[in-house]
Amino acid sequence: MPSIRDLKKDVNFILGDIIEAVYIWEAGSGNKESEEGTVIIDEAIEVYDSLMDKINQKKVDNAKSHFRTIRTELEEKATKLVEQLNNLEA
């Protein structure tokens, strides 16, 4: 089983890359601080906070299942955010 530290790094890198992609889209399209981009960034931050809270829970019945669920949730929410990013218009 991968370590908790690796899971935290994955959460940080994946959501950080999504936020960075929003900034790149804004710079490339001339939509600085766009409302659409801000919504995606805010949602990514909320997902980050939520997942980190779940990762840092101390009392869990089945740790393996708990962390597998977190990884699945990360994949689902990241996919949704990327789809939102891909739907932004230039």
PDB file of N, CA and C in Angstrom:
ATOM      1  N   MET A   1       0.844  -1.176   0.000  1.00  0.00           N
ATOM      2  CA  MET A   1       0.000   0.000   0.000  1.00  0.00           C
ATOM      3  C   MET A   1       0.889   1.237   0.000  1.00  0.00           C
ATOM      4  N   PRO A   2       0.602   2.186  -0.872  1.00  0.00           N
ATOM      5  CA  PRO A   2       1.388   3.427  -0.888  1.00  0.00           C
ATOM      6  C   PRO A   2       1.252   4.161   0.437  1.00  0.00           C
ATOM      7  N   SER A   3       2.232   4.958   0.733  1.00  0.00           N
ATOM      8  CA  SER A   3       2.220   5.660   2.009  1.00  0.00           C
ATOM      9  C   SER A   3       1.238   6.825   2.000  1.00  0.00           C
ATOM     10  N   ILE A   4       0.907   7.264   3.183  1.00  0.00           N
ATOM     11  CA  ILE A   4       0.024   8.425   3.337  1.00  0.00           C
ATOM     12  C   ILE A   4       0.693   9.652   2.731  1.00  0.00           C
ATOM     13  N   ARG A   5       1.997   9.742   2.895  1.00  0.00           N
ATOM     14  CA  ARG A   5       2.734  10.877   2.346  1.00  0.00           C
ATOM     15  C   ARG A   5       2.582  10.928   0.821  1.00  0.00           C
ATOM     16  N   ASP A   6       2.649   9.763   0.170  1.00  0.00           N
ATOM     17  CA  ASP A   6       2.477   9.719  -1.282  1.00  0.00           C
ATOM     18  C   ASP A   6       1.069  10.146  -1.691  1.00  0.00           C
ATOM     19  N   LEU A   7       0.071   9.739  -0.916  1.00  0.00           N
ATOM     20  CA  LEU A   7      -1.302  10.141  -1.204  1.00  0.00           C
ATOM     21  C   LEU A   7      -1.460  11.648  -1.070  1.00  0.00           C
ATOM     22  N   LYS A   8      -0.863  12.217  -0.032  1.00  0.00           N
ATOM     23  CA  LYS A   8      -0.912  13.675   0.144  1.00  0.00           C
ATOM     24  C   LYS A   8      -0.228  14.391  -1.017  1.00  0.00           C
ATOM     25  N   LYS A   9       0.907  13.856  -1.465  1.00  0.00           N
ATOM     26  CA  LYS A   9       1.609  14.447  -2.607  1.00  0.00           C
ATOM     27  C   LYS A   9       0.750  14.376  -3.865  1.00  0.00           C
ATOM     28  N   ASP A  10       0.094  13.239  -4.069  1.00  0.00           N
ATOM     29  CA  ASP A  10      -0.774  13.085  -5.239  1.00  0.00           C
ATOM     30  C   ASP A  10      -1.893  14.112  -5.238  1.00  0.00           C
ATOM     31  N   VAL A  11      -2.539  14.282  -4.084  1.00  0.00           N
ATOM     32  CA  VAL A  11      -3.618  15.273  -3.959  1.00  0.00           C
ATOM     33  C   VAL A  11      -3.078  16.654  -4.293  1.00  0.00           C
ATOM     34  N   ASN A  12      -1.935  16.977  -3.723  1.00  0.00           N
ATOM     35  CA  ASN A  12      -1.343  18.299  -3.930  1.00  0.00           C
ATOM     36  C   ASN A  12      -0.959  18.527  -5.393  1.00  0.00           C
ATOM     37  N   PHE A  13      -0.290  17.550  -6.000  1.00  0.00           N
ATOM     38  CA  PHE A  13       0.160  17.708  -7.382  1.00  0.00           C
ATOM     39  C   PHE A  13      -0.999  17.761  -8.370  1.00  0.00           C
ATOM     40  N   ILE A  14      -1.952  16.874  -8.220  1.00  0.00           N
ATOM     41  CA  ILE A  14      -3.074  16.814  -9.169  1.00  0.00           C
ATOM     42  C   ILE A  14      -3.895  18.090  -9.116  1.00  0.00           C
ATOM     43  N   LEU A  15      -4.291  18.491  -7.914  1.00  0.00           N
ATOM     44  CA  LEU A  15      -5.123  19.701  -7.805  1.00  0.00           C
ATOM     45  C   LEU A  15      -4.312  20.951  -8.119  1.00  0.00           C
ATOM     46  N   GLY A  16      -3.028  20.944  -7.780  1.00  0.00           N
ATOM     47  CA  GLY A  16      -2.160  22.068  -8.131  1.00  0.00           C
ATOM     48  C   GLY A  16      -2.018  22.222  -9.636  1.00  0.00           C
ATOM     49  N   ASP A  17      -1.903  21.094 -10.331  1.00  0.00           N
ATOM     50  CA  ASP A  17      -1.809  21.140 -11.796  1.00  0.00           C
ATOM     51  C   ASP A  17      -3.094  21.682 -12.424  1.00  0.00           C
ATOM     52  N   ILE A  18      -4.231  21.332 -11.853  1.00  0.00           N
ATOM     53  CA  ILE A  18      -5.501  21.836 -12.370  1.00  0.00           C
ATOM     54  C   ILE A  18      -5.578  23.349 -12.180  1.00  0.00           C
ATOM     55  N   ILE A  19      -5.186  23.819 -11.007  1.00  0.00           N
ATOM     56  CA  ILE A  19      -5.198  25.270 -10.747  1.00  0.00           C
ATOM     57  C   ILE A  19      -4.229  25.977 -11.691  1.00  0.00           C
ATOM     58  N   GLU A  20      -3.058  25.402 -11.886  1.00  0.00           N
ATOM     59  CA  GLU A  20      -2.084  25.991 -12.800  1.00  0.00           C
ATOM     60  C   GLU A  20      -2.626  26.040 -14.229  1.00  0.00           C
ATOM     61  N   ALA A  21      -3.338  25.002 -14.631  1.00  0.00           N
ATOM     62  CA  ALA A  21      -3.925  24.972 -15.977  1.00  0.00           C
ATOM     63  C   ALA A  21      -4.957  26.085 -16.148  1.00  0.00           C
ATOM     64  N   VAL A  22      -5.695  26.393 -15.083  1.00  0.00           N
ATOM     65  CA  VAL A  22      -6.660  27.499 -15.150  1.00  0.00           C
ATOM     66  C   VAL A  22      -5.916  28.818 -15.369  1.00  0.00           C
ATOM     67  N   TYR A  23      -4.824  29.012 -14.630  1.00  0.00           N
ATOM     68  CA  TYR A  23      -4.042  30.245 -14.803  1.00  0.00           C
ATOM     69  C   TYR A  23      -3.452  30.341 -16.209  1.00  0.00           C
ATOM     70  N   ILE A  24      -3.005  29.232 -16.756  1.00  0.00           N
ATOM     71  CA  ILE A  24      -2.466  29.222 -18.116  1.00  0.00           C
ATOM     72  C   ILE A  24      -3.567  29.555 -19.114  1.00  0.00           C
ATOM     73  N   TRP A  25      -4.760  28.981 -18.913  1.00  0.00           N
ATOM     74  CA  TRP A  25      -5.885  29.277 -19.803  1.00  0.00           C
ATOM     75  C   TRP A  25      -6.227  30.760 -19.734  1.00  0.00           C
ATOM     76  N   GLU A  26      -6.265  31.313 -18.517  1.00  0.00           N
ATOM     77  CA  GLU A  26      -6.595  32.735 -18.370  1.00  0.00           C
ATOM     78  C   GLU A  26      -5.558  33.613 -19.066  1.00  0.00           C
ATOM     79  N   ALA A  27      -4.285  33.277 -18.919  1.00  0.00           N
ATOM     80  CA  ALA A  27      -3.233  34.073 -19.551  1.00  0.00           C
ATOM     81  C   ALA A  27      -3.299  33.961 -21.072  1.00  0.00           C
ATOM     82  N   GLY A  28      -3.565  32.771 -21.560  1.00  0.00           N
ATOM     83  CA  GLY A  28      -3.601  32.561 -23.007  1.00  0.00           C
ATOM     84  C   GLY A  28      -4.825  33.135 -23.682  1.00  0.00           C
ATOM     85  N   SER A  29      -5.929  33.196 -22.957  1.00  0.00           N
ATOM     86  CA  SER A  29      -7.165  33.676 -23.566  1.00  0.00           C
ATOM     87  C   SER A  29      -7.442  35.139 -23.265  1.00  0.00           C
ATOM     88  N   GLY A  30      -6.628  35.746 -22.417  1.00  0.00           N
ATOM     89  CA  GLY A  30      -6.842  37.154 -22.080  1.00  0.00           C
ATOM     90  C   GLY A  30      -7.964  37.358 -21.082  1.00  0.00           C
ATOM     91  N   ASN A  31      -8.441  36.310 -20.466  1.00  0.00           N
ATOM     92  CA  ASN A  31      -9.513  36.400 -19.470  1.00  0.00           C
ATOM     93  C   ASN A  31      -8.926  36.391 -18.067  1.00  0.00           C
ATOM     94  N   LYS A  32      -8.158  37.400 -17.730  1.00  0.00           N
ATOM     95  CA  LYS A  32      -7.524  37.461 -16.413  1.00  0.00           C
ATOM     96  C   LYS A  32      -8.585  37.476 -15.327  1.00  0.00           C
ATOM     97  N   GLU A  33      -8.389  36.627 -14.329  1.00  0.00           N
ATOM     98  CA  GLU A  33      -9.292  36.520 -13.184  1.00  0.00           C
ATOM     99  C   GLU A  33     -10.748  36.346 -13.630  1.00  0.00           C
ATOM    100  N   SER A  34     -10.940  35.443 -14.562  1.00  0.00           N
ATOM    101  CA  SER A  34     -12.281  35.189 -15.076  1.00  0.00           C
ATOM    102  C   SER A  34     -13.136  34.524 -14.008  1.00  0.00           C
ATOM    103  N   GLU A  35     -14.433  34.732 -14.122  1.00  0.00           N
ATOM    104  CA  GLU A  35     -15.373  34.141 -13.160  1.00  0.00           C
ATOM    105  C   GLU A  35     -15.364  32.621 -13.278  1.00  0.00           C
ATOM    106  N   GLU A  36     -15.294  32.103 -14.512  1.00  0.00           N
ATOM    107  CA  GLU A  36     -15.291  30.663 -14.722  1.00  0.00           C
ATOM    108  C   GLU A  36     -14.048  30.023 -14.111  1.00  0.00           C
ATOM    109  N   GLY A  37     -12.901  30.672 -14.325  1.00  0.00           N
ATOM    110  CA  GLY A  37     -11.648  30.160 -13.774  1.00  0.00           C
ATOM    111  C   GLY A  37     -11.643  30.193 -12.262  1.00  0.00           C
ATOM    112  N   THR A  38     -12.188  31.258 -11.701  1.00  0.00           N
ATOM    113  CA  THR A  38     -12.252  31.392 -10.247  1.00  0.00           C
ATOM    114  C   THR A  38     -13.114  30.301  -9.630  1.00  0.00           C
ATOM    115  N   VAL A  39     -14.198  29.942 -10.296  1.00  0.00           N
ATOM    116  CA  VAL A  39     -15.075  28.876  -9.803  1.00  0.00           C
ATOM    117  C   VAL A  39     -14.314  27.551  -9.762  1.00  0.00           C
ATOM    118  N   ILE A  40     -13.563  27.249 -10.802  1.00  0.00           N
ATOM    119  CA  ILE A  40     -12.804  25.994 -10.851  1.00  0.00           C
ATOM    120  C   ILE A  40     -11.721  25.986  -9.774  1.00  0.00           C
ATOM    121  N   ILE A  41     -11.026  27.105  -9.613  1.00  0.00           N
ATOM    122  CA  ILE A  41      -9.974  27.191  -8.593  1.00  0.00           C
ATOM    123  C   ILE A  41     -10.562  27.025  -7.204  1.00  0.00           C
ATOM    124  N   ASP A  42     -11.673  27.703  -6.930  1.00  0.00           N
ATOM    125  CA  ASP A  42     -12.313  27.590  -5.616  1.00  0.00           C
ATOM    126  C   ASP A  42     -12.752  26.156  -5.339  1.00  0.00           C
ATOM    127  N   GLU A  43     -13.294  25.503  -6.350  1.00  0.00           N
ATOM    128  CA  GLU A  43     -13.732  24.119  -6.181  1.00  0.00           C
ATOM    129  C   GLU A  43     -12.534  23.196  -5.942  1.00  0.00           C
ATOM    130  N   ALA A  44     -11.427  23.442  -6.639  1.00  0.00           N
ATOM    131  CA  ALA A  44     -10.220  22.632  -6.438  1.00  0.00           C
ATOM    132  C   ALA A  44      -9.691  22.796  -5.016  1.00  0.00           C
ATOM    133  N   ILE A  45      -9.752  24.003  -4.489  1.00  0.00           N
ATOM    134  CA  ILE A  45      -9.298  24.251  -3.121  1.00  0.00           C
ATOM    135  C   ILE A  45     -10.206  23.552  -2.116  1.00  0.00           C
ATOM    136  N   GLU A  46     -11.504  23.577  -2.365  1.00  0.00           N
ATOM    137  CA  GLU A  46     -12.450  22.881  -1.488  1.00  0.00           C
ATOM    138  C   GLU A  46     -12.206  21.371  -1.500  1.00  0.00           C
ATOM    139  N   VAL A  47     -11.953  20.826  -2.676  1.00  0.00           N
ATOM    140  CA  VAL A  47     -11.661  19.392  -2.791  1.00  0.00           C
ATOM    141  C   VAL A  47     -10.372  19.071  -2.031  1.00  0.00           C
ATOM    142  N   TYR A  48      -9.363  19.919  -2.179  1.00  0.00           N
ATOM    143  CA  TYR A  48      -8.088  19.722  -1.477  1.00  0.00           C
ATOM    144  C   TYR A  48      -8.308  19.685   0.036  1.00  0.00           C
ATOM    145  N   ASP A  49      -9.014  20.682   0.549  1.00  0.00           N
ATOM    146  CA  ASP A  49      -9.271  20.746   1.992  1.00  0.00           C
ATOM    147  C   ASP A  49     -10.042  19.523   2.475  1.00  0.00           C
ATOM    148  N   SER A  50     -11.049  19.136   1.723  1.00  0.00           N
ATOM    149  CA  SER A  50     -11.872  17.989   2.092  1.00  0.00           C
ATOM    150  C   SER A  50     -11.053  16.697   2.125  1.00  0.00           C
ATOM    151  N   LEU A  51     -10.252  16.476   1.089  1.00  0.00           N
ATOM    152  CA  LEU A  51      -9.459  15.256   1.023  1.00  0.00           C
ATOM    153  C   LEU A  51      -8.378  15.227   2.103  1.00  0.00           C
ATOM    154  N   MET A  52      -7.759  16.356   2.366  1.00  0.00           N
ATOM    155  CA  MET A  52      -6.733  16.396   3.408  1.00  0.00           C
ATOM    156  C   MET A  52      -7.338  16.122   4.787  1.00  0.00           C
ATOM    157  N   ASP A  53      -8.535  16.636   5.029  1.00  0.00           N
ATOM    158  CA  ASP A  53      -9.214  16.333   6.291  1.00  0.00           C
ATOM    159  C   ASP A  53      -9.455  14.831   6.418  1.00  0.00           C
ATOM    160  N   LYS A  54      -9.871  14.205   5.328  1.00  0.00           N
ATOM    161  CA  LYS A  54     -10.123  12.758   5.356  1.00  0.00           C
ATOM    162  C   LYS A  54      -8.828  11.973   5.535  1.00  0.00           C
ATOM    163  N   ILE A  55      -7.760  12.418   4.888  1.00  0.00           N
ATOM    164  CA  ILE A  55      -6.478  11.730   5.018  1.00  0.00           C
ATOM    165  C   ILE A  55      -5.964  11.812   6.449  1.00  0.00           C
ATOM    166  N   ASN A  56      -6.171  12.938   7.085  1.00  0.00           N
ATOM    167  CA  ASN A  56      -5.638  13.167   8.432  1.00  0.00           C
ATOM    168  C   ASN A  56      -6.513  12.630   9.551  1.00  0.00           C
ATOM    169  N   GLN A  57      -7.608  11.959   9.224  1.00  0.00           N
ATOM    170  CA  GLN A  57      -8.438  11.353  10.266  1.00  0.00           C
ATOM    171  C   GLN A  57      -7.631  10.281  10.980  1.00  0.00           C
ATOM    172  N   LYS A  58      -7.674  10.308  12.298  1.00  0.00           N
ATOM    173  CA  LYS A  58      -6.884   9.353  13.082  1.00  0.00           C
ATOM    174  C   LYS A  58      -7.620   8.049  13.343  1.00  0.00           C
ATOM    175  N   LYS A  59      -8.903   8.130  13.625  1.00  0.00           N
ATOM    176  CA  LYS A  59      -9.642   6.931  13.996  1.00  0.00           C
ATOM    177  C   LYS A  59     -10.440   6.427  12.799  1.00  0.00           C
ATOM    178  N   VAL A  60      -9.879   5.415  12.143  1.00  0.00           N
ATOM    179  CA  VAL A  60     -10.524   4.808  10.993  1.00  0.00           C
ATOM    180  C   VAL A  60     -10.564   3.298  11.244  1.00  0.00           C
ATOM    181  N   ASP A  61     -11.685   2.686  10.916  1.00  0.00           N
ATOM    182  CA  ASP A  61     -11.822   1.248  11.153  1.00  0.00           C
ATOM    183  C   ASP A  61     -10.913   0.432  10.239  1.00  0.00           C
ATOM    184  N   ASN A  62     -11.002   0.682   8.953  1.00  0.00           N
ATOM    185  CA  ASN A  62     -10.219  -0.071   7.976  1.00  0.00           C
ATOM    186  C   ASN A  62      -9.407   0.931   7.147  1.00  0.00           C
ATOM    187  N   ALA A  63      -8.139   1.079   7.497  1.00  0.00           N
ATOM    188  CA  ALA A  63      -7.298   2.102   6.869  1.00  0.00           C
ATOM    189  C   ALA A  63      -7.152   1.873   5.365  1.00  0.00           C
ATOM    190  N   LYS A  64      -6.965   0.640   4.956  1.00  0.00           N
ATOM    191  CA  LYS A  64      -6.758   0.352   3.527  1.00  0.00           C
ATOM    192  C   LYS A  64      -7.974   0.773   2.705  1.00  0.00           C
ATOM    193  N   SER A  65      -9.135   0.413   3.178  1.00  0.00           N
ATOM    194  CA  SER A  65     -10.371   0.780   2.498  1.00  0.00           C
ATOM    195  C   SER A  65     -10.588   2.293   2.517  1.00  0.00           C
ATOM    196  N   HIS A  66     -10.265   2.910   3.638  1.00  0.00           N
ATOM    197  CA  HIS A  66     -10.430   4.359   3.797  1.00  0.00           C
ATOM    198  C   HIS A  66      -9.589   5.117   2.766  1.00  0.00           C
ATOM    199  N   PHE A  67      -8.325   4.741   2.636  1.00  0.00           N
ATOM    200  CA  PHE A  67      -7.446   5.447   1.710  1.00  0.00           C
ATOM    201  C   PHE A  67      -7.758   5.109   0.250  1.00  0.00           C
ATOM    202  N   ARG A  68      -8.251   3.912  -0.009  1.00  0.00           N
ATOM    203  CA  ARG A  68      -8.680   3.563  -1.360  1.00  0.00           C
ATOM    204  C   ARG A  68      -9.866   4.437  -1.768  1.00  0.00           C
ATOM    205  N   THR A  69     -10.781   4.663  -0.831  1.00  0.00           N
ATOM    206  CA  THR A  69     -11.933   5.518  -1.090  1.00  0.00           C
ATOM    207  C   THR A  69     -11.497   6.953  -1.373  1.00  0.00           C
ATOM    208  N   ILE A  70     -10.500   7.425  -0.623  1.00  0.00           N
ATOM    209  CA  ILE A  70      -9.991   8.789  -0.837  1.00  0.00           C
ATOM    210  C   ILE A  70      -9.368   8.903  -2.219  1.00  0.00           C
ATOM    211  N   ARG A  71      -8.582   7.913  -2.606  1.00  0.00           N
ATOM    212  CA  ARG A  71      -7.941   7.950  -3.933  1.00  0.00           C
ATOM    213  C   ARG A  71      -8.995   7.937  -5.046  1.00  0.00           C
ATOM    214  N   THR A  72     -10.039   7.141  -4.878  1.00  0.00           N
ATOM    215  CA  THR A  72     -11.127   7.091  -5.860  1.00  0.00           C
ATOM    216  C   THR A  72     -11.834   8.439  -5.943  1.00  0.00           C
ATOM    217  N   GLU A  73     -12.085   9.037  -4.792  1.00  0.00           N
ATOM    218  CA  GLU A  73     -12.739  10.348  -4.760  1.00  0.00           C
ATOM    219  C   GLU A  73     -11.866  11.400  -5.441  1.00  0.00           C
ATOM    220  N   LEU A  74     -10.559  11.338  -5.215  1.00  0.00           N
ATOM    221  CA  LEU A  74      -9.635  12.267  -5.872  1.00  0.00           C
ATOM    222  C   LEU A  74      -9.733  12.121  -7.386  1.00  0.00           C
ATOM    223  N   GLU A  75      -9.725  10.906  -7.877  1.00  0.00           N
ATOM    224  CA  GLU A  75      -9.798  10.674  -9.321  1.00  0.00           C
ATOM    225  C   GLU A  75     -11.101  11.211  -9.906  1.00  0.00           C
ATOM    226  N   GLU A  76     -12.211  10.952  -9.227  1.00  0.00           N
ATOM    227  CA  GLU A  76     -13.515  11.406  -9.729  1.00  0.00           C
ATOM    228  C   GLU A  76     -13.606  12.926  -9.752  1.00  0.00           C
ATOM    229  N   LYS A  77     -13.211  13.552  -8.664  1.00  0.00           N
ATOM    230  CA  LYS A  77     -13.337  15.013  -8.585  1.00  0.00           C
ATOM    231  C   LYS A  77     -12.341  15.710  -9.502  1.00  0.00           C
ATOM    232  N   ALA A  78     -11.145  15.156  -9.639  1.00  0.00           N
ATOM    233  CA  ALA A  78     -10.163  15.744 -10.545  1.00  0.00           C
ATOM    234  C   ALA A  78     -10.645  15.636 -11.991  1.00  0.00           C
ATOM    235  N   THR A  79     -11.232  14.509 -12.335  1.00  0.00           N
ATOM    236  CA  THR A  79     -11.769  14.330 -13.685  1.00  0.00           C
ATOM    237  C   THR A  79     -12.862  15.355 -13.964  1.00  0.00           C
ATOM    238  N   LYS A  80     -13.728  15.583 -12.984  1.00  0.00           N
ATOM    239  CA  LYS A  80     -14.800  16.567 -13.140  1.00  0.00           C
ATOM    240  C   LYS A  80     -14.222  17.973 -13.337  1.00  0.00           C
ATOM    241  N   LEU A  81     -13.193  18.318 -12.561  1.00  0.00           N
ATOM    242  CA  LEU A  81     -12.580  19.642 -12.685  1.00  0.00           C
ATOM    243  C   LEU A  81     -11.901  19.804 -14.050  1.00  0.00           C
ATOM    244  N   VAL A  82     -11.253  18.761 -14.528  1.00  0.00           N
ATOM    245  CA  VAL A  82     -10.599  18.826 -15.835  1.00  0.00           C
ATOM    246  C   VAL A  82     -11.640  18.986 -16.936  1.00  0.00           C
ATOM    247  N   GLU A  83     -12.762  18.313 -16.803  1.00  0.00           N
ATOM    248  CA  GLU A  83     -13.838  18.473 -17.789  1.00  0.00           C
ATOM    249  C   GLU A  83     -14.349  19.907 -17.795  1.00  0.00           C
ATOM    250  N   GLN A  84     -14.505  20.504 -16.618  1.00  0.00           N
ATOM    251  CA  GLN A  84     -14.924  21.907 -16.536  1.00  0.00           C
ATOM    252  C   GLN A  84     -13.894  22.797 -17.199  1.00  0.00           C
ATOM    253  N   LEU A  85     -12.623  22.514 -16.967  1.00  0.00           N
ATOM    254  CA  LEU A  85     -11.538  23.303 -17.560  1.00  0.00           C
ATOM    255  C   LEU A  85     -11.557  23.177 -19.083  1.00  0.00           C
ATOM    256  N   ASN A  86     -11.780  21.973 -19.567  1.00  0.00           N
ATOM    257  CA  ASN A  86     -11.812  21.745 -21.016  1.00  0.00           C
ATOM    258  C   ASN A  86     -12.995  22.424 -21.682  1.00  0.00           C
ATOM    259  N   ASN A  87     -14.049  22.677 -20.919  1.00  0.00           N
ATOM    260  CA  ASN A  87     -15.235  23.323 -21.476  1.00  0.00           C
ATOM    261  C   ASN A  87     -15.148  24.845 -21.487  1.00  0.00           C
ATOM    262  N   LEU A  88     -14.079  25.396 -20.934  1.00  0.00           N
ATOM    263  CA  LEU A  88     -13.922  26.854 -20.955  1.00  0.00           C
ATOM    264  C   LEU A  88     -13.689  27.310 -22.382  1.00  0.00           C
ATOM    265  N   GLU A  89     -14.277  28.434 -22.707  1.00  0.00           N
ATOM    266  CA  GLU A  89     -14.133  28.978 -24.065  1.00  0.00           C
ATOM    267  C   GLU A  89     -13.002  29.993 -24.088  1.00  0.00           C
ATOM    268  N   ALA A  90     -12.318  30.042 -25.190  1.00  0.00           N
ATOM    269  CA  ALA A  90     -11.201  30.972 -25.342  1.00  0.00           C
ATOM    270  C   ALA A  90     -11.675  32.371 -25.611  1.00  0.00           C
TER     271      ALA A  90
END
